[in-house]
Amino acid sequence: MDFIETDLREWMDKLNQLKKEIISPAKVAVRESCVSLITKIHVDVFETSELFERTSGKAIFQESGKVVVVQDGPENYTEVRGKSEYTSGHRTLSFKIEKLNGWSLFGIISKSTPLQEHSYTSPSCYGWYNGDHFVYRNGENVGGQGHDAVENDTVNFMIDCDQRLIQLTNERTSRTLELLVDIDKCPFPWQLHLNLNLAPTRIHILS
């Protein structure tokens, strides 16, 4: 096969160009994108587990704060507060009513509210006593159905700060109660709030 001079020159030019590309490769510019590939994740941080921490009177705490027991005393009622503070997100707590004598209120109260025997009258109290017509909102009995939990029942109590509501569900009856919370009346942070009546009432935090 015969090659003309122009063919040889063209091949030489291509070889020289290839040699240059090998010796001096093209520059690569790296730009950082201002758009994150990972979306922000919002994490609500609570205590790892709720505990009973404070009481206005005749209750004692057992099992490192997992259990509250009402004792005999001069007061007819006693307020019990949880340790955790709730300001955002939601949390569900489970309780076993191991002993029950008299009234029992499950709800929330503003941390800034002082402890007192008749805490259900506090303006920041939201919750339910057992029985009919015992729903408390802003410290007032507004009627409606109270909770139906009895001895040995397990109840689940949800605190939803984002939706500003609380729910109480009895596992035995599958009945759920719900209350919307006015944060002007019950400002954050919220705390778990029980008001218990007579000995030997015993409430156990399961989770």
Protein backbone atom coordinates (compact mmCIF):
# COMPACT_ATOMS: atom_id res chain seq x y z
CA MET A 1 0.00 0.00 0.00
CA ASP A 2 1.41 3.37 -1.01
CA PHE A 3 1.18 6.41 1.30
CA ILE A 4 1.43 9.90 0.06
CA GLU A 5 3.26 12.62 1.92
CA THR A 6 0.05 14.33 3.01
CA ASP A 7 -1.11 11.14 4.75
CA LEU A 8 2.16 10.82 6.62
CA ARG A 9 2.00 14.45 7.68
CA GLU A 10 -1.57 14.00 8.95
CA TRP A 11 -0.57 10.95 11.00
CA MET A 12 2.39 12.79 12.46
CA ASP A 13 0.16 15.70 13.47
CA LYS A 14 -2.28 13.32 15.20
CA LEU A 15 0.55 11.53 17.02
CA ASN A 16 1.99 14.83 18.22
CA GLN A 17 -1.44 15.98 19.44
CA LEU A 18 -1.97 12.70 21.28
CA LYS A 19 1.47 13.04 22.87
CA LYS A 20 0.58 16.53 24.13
CA GLU A 21 -2.70 15.30 25.66
CA ILE A 22 -0.87 12.52 27.48
CA ILE A 23 1.86 14.80 28.82
CA SER A 24 -0.44 17.73 29.64
CA PRO A 25 -4.00 16.45 30.27
CA ALA A 26 -6.93 18.82 30.14
CA LYS A 27 -7.56 20.81 33.29
CA VAL A 28 -10.55 19.78 35.41
CA ALA A 29 -12.38 22.36 37.49
CA VAL A 30 -14.22 21.21 40.61
CA ARG A 31 -17.11 23.34 41.81
CA GLU A 32 -18.93 22.91 45.11
CA SER A 33 -22.67 22.88 44.70
CA CYS A 34 -24.62 25.13 47.02
CA VAL A 35 -27.43 22.53 47.08
CA SER A 36 -27.06 19.97 49.85
CA LEU A 37 -27.60 16.34 48.90
CA ILE A 38 -28.78 15.57 52.43
CA THR A 39 -31.91 17.22 53.73
CA LYS A 40 -31.95 18.59 57.22
CA ILE A 41 -33.28 16.22 59.84
CA HIS A 42 -35.15 17.63 62.83
CA VAL A 43 -34.58 15.68 66.01
CA ASP A 44 -36.72 16.12 69.11
CA VAL A 45 -34.72 15.41 72.23
CA PHE A 46 -36.48 14.25 75.38
CA GLU A 47 -35.34 12.48 78.48
CA THR A 48 -34.60 8.84 77.62
CA SER A 49 -37.40 7.84 79.99
CA GLU A 50 -39.91 9.75 82.06
CA LEU A 51 -39.69 9.61 85.85
CA PHE A 52 -41.83 10.89 88.67
CA GLU A 53 -39.87 13.64 90.41
CA ARG A 54 -41.96 16.00 92.56
CA THR A 55 -45.07 15.82 94.72
CA SER A 56 -47.11 18.26 96.76
CA GLY A 57 -47.71 15.91 99.64
CA LYS A 58 -48.46 12.35 100.65
CA ALA A 59 -46.91 10.40 97.74
CA ILE A 60 -43.58 8.57 97.69
CA PHE A 61 -41.49 7.43 94.73
CA GLN A 62 -40.09 3.94 94.27
CA GLU A 63 -37.96 2.09 91.71
CA SER A 64 -35.83 5.17 91.01
CA GLY A 65 -38.87 7.29 90.20
CA LYS A 66 -40.70 4.81 87.98
CA VAL A 67 -43.43 4.24 90.57
CA VAL A 68 -45.52 6.64 92.64
CA VAL A 69 -47.43 5.39 95.70
CA VAL A 70 -50.03 7.41 97.61
CA GLN A 71 -49.79 7.10 101.39
CA ASP A 72 -52.24 7.97 104.13
CA GLY A 73 -52.07 11.61 105.14
CA PRO A 74 -54.10 14.69 106.02
CA GLU A 75 -54.45 15.81 102.40
CA ASN A 76 -57.34 14.58 100.28
CA TYR A 77 -55.38 15.02 97.05
CA THR A 78 -51.73 15.07 96.03
CA GLU A 79 -50.11 16.46 92.91
CA VAL A 80 -47.36 14.48 91.16
CA ARG A 81 -45.07 15.86 88.45
CA GLY A 82 -42.79 14.18 85.95
CA LYS A 83 -39.14 15.08 85.46
CA SER A 84 -39.13 15.69 81.69
CA GLU A 85 -39.95 18.98 80.02
CA TYR A 86 -41.86 19.03 76.72
CA THR A 87 -41.53 21.88 74.23
CA SER A 88 -41.60 20.29 70.75
CA GLY A 89 -42.35 17.02 68.98
CA HIS A 90 -44.48 14.32 70.55
CA ARG A 91 -43.99 11.59 73.11
CA THR A 92 -46.13 8.66 74.26
CA LEU A 93 -45.90 7.42 77.85
CA SER A 94 -47.33 4.13 79.10
CA PHE A 95 -48.63 3.64 82.65
CA LYS A 96 -49.81 0.59 84.59
CA ILE A 97 -52.41 1.38 87.24
CA GLU A 98 -51.30 -1.24 89.75
CA LYS A 99 -53.53 0.01 92.58
CA LEU A 100 -56.33 2.58 92.46
CA ASN A 101 -58.39 4.06 95.25
CA GLY A 102 -60.50 7.14 94.59
CA TRP A 103 -59.79 9.72 91.90
CA SER A 104 -56.89 9.86 89.46
CA LEU A 105 -56.11 12.62 86.98
CA PHE A 106 -53.76 12.19 83.99
CA GLY A 107 -52.67 15.30 82.14
CA ILE A 108 -50.14 18.09 81.73
CA ILE A 109 -49.33 21.33 83.48
CA SER A 110 -46.95 24.20 82.80
CA LYS A 111 -43.62 23.85 84.60
CA SER A 112 -43.94 27.39 85.95
CA THR A 113 -47.11 26.49 87.90
CA PRO A 114 -46.44 25.95 91.63
CA LEU A 115 -47.12 22.53 93.15
CA GLN A 116 -50.36 22.38 95.14
CA GLU A 117 -52.81 19.88 96.57
CA HIS A 118 -55.67 20.94 94.31
CA SER A 119 -53.53 21.24 91.18
CA TYR A 120 -56.48 20.44 88.93
CA THR A 121 -57.67 24.02 89.59
CA SER A 122 -54.40 25.50 88.25
CA PRO A 123 -54.99 27.63 85.12
CA SER A 124 -52.45 25.55 83.18
CA CYS A 125 -53.99 22.17 84.07
CA TYR A 126 -55.26 20.01 81.19
CA GLY A 127 -56.37 16.43 81.74
CA TRP A 128 -58.97 13.85 82.73
CA TYR A 129 -60.18 12.43 86.02
CA ASN A 130 -61.84 9.02 86.11
CA GLY A 131 -65.63 9.06 85.85
CA ASP A 132 -68.26 11.10 84.02
CA HIS A 133 -68.04 14.87 83.59
CA PHE A 134 -64.44 15.23 84.75
CA VAL A 135 -62.55 16.89 81.91
CA TYR A 136 -60.27 19.73 83.03
CA ARG A 137 -59.19 22.56 80.75
CA ASN A 138 -57.45 25.71 82.05
CA GLY A 139 -58.08 24.42 85.57
CA GLU A 140 -61.84 24.26 85.09
CA ASN A 141 -64.16 21.28 84.90
CA VAL A 142 -65.67 21.67 81.44
CA GLY A 143 -67.76 18.51 81.53
CA GLY A 144 -67.43 15.72 79.02
CA GLN A 145 -66.28 12.17 79.55
CA GLY A 146 -63.43 11.46 81.94
CA HIS A 147 -61.12 8.45 81.58
CA ASP A 148 -62.41 4.94 82.18
CA ALA A 149 -59.22 3.33 83.55
CA VAL A 150 -59.52 1.01 86.53
CA GLU A 151 -57.07 -1.02 88.59
CA ASN A 152 -54.69 -3.17 86.47
CA ASP A 153 -55.38 -1.19 83.29
CA THR A 154 -52.59 0.11 81.08
CA VAL A 155 -53.04 3.58 79.62
CA ASN A 156 -51.01 5.38 76.96
CA PHE A 157 -50.64 9.12 77.28
CA MET A 158 -49.48 11.12 74.25
CA ILE A 159 -48.09 14.64 74.55
CA ASP A 160 -47.98 16.39 71.15
CA CYS A 161 -46.36 19.81 71.45
CA ASP A 162 -46.40 20.52 67.70
CA GLN A 163 -50.16 19.94 67.39
CA ARG A 164 -50.73 21.34 70.89
CA LEU A 165 -52.83 18.46 72.12
CA ILE A 166 -52.82 15.53 74.52
CA GLN A 167 -54.41 12.08 74.17
CA LEU A 168 -55.16 9.32 76.65
CA THR A 169 -55.88 5.76 75.45
CA ASN A 170 -57.02 2.84 77.59
CA GLU A 171 -55.55 -0.35 76.11
CA ARG A 172 -58.28 -2.54 77.60
CA THR A 173 -61.20 -0.58 76.14
CA SER A 174 -59.37 1.01 73.16
CA ARG A 175 -61.01 4.27 74.11
CA THR A 176 -59.10 7.47 73.29
CA LEU A 177 -59.68 10.93 74.75
CA GLU A 178 -58.21 14.11 73.27
CA LEU A 179 -57.77 17.69 74.46
CA LEU A 180 -56.47 20.71 72.56
CA VAL A 181 -54.13 22.89 74.63
CA ASP A 182 -54.11 26.69 74.65
CA ILE A 183 -50.43 27.63 75.07
CA ASP A 184 -51.42 31.07 76.31
CA LYS A 185 -52.99 29.30 79.30
CA CYS A 186 -50.48 26.45 79.48
CA PRO A 187 -47.14 27.81 78.18
CA PHE A 188 -44.16 25.60 77.41
CA PRO A 189 -42.41 23.74 78.85
CA TRP A 190 -45.09 21.22 79.75
CA GLN A 191 -44.70 18.53 82.37
CA LEU A 192 -46.47 15.27 83.11
CA HIS A 193 -49.13 15.99 85.73
CA LEU A 194 -51.04 13.52 87.91
CA ASN A 195 -53.39 14.33 90.75
CA LEU A 196 -54.12 11.33 92.95
CA ASN A 197 -56.55 10.76 95.79
CA LEU A 198 -56.30 7.93 98.29
CA ALA A 199 -53.88 5.24 99.52
CA PRO A 200 -52.76 2.74 98.35
CA THR A 201 -53.00 4.09 94.76
CA ARG A 202 -49.90 2.99 92.85
CA ILE A 203 -48.99 4.09 89.30
CA HIS A 204 -46.06 2.58 87.39
CA ILE A 205 -44.36 4.20 84.38
CA LEU A 206 -43.73 1.40 81.87
CA SER A 207 -42.12 3.51 79.15
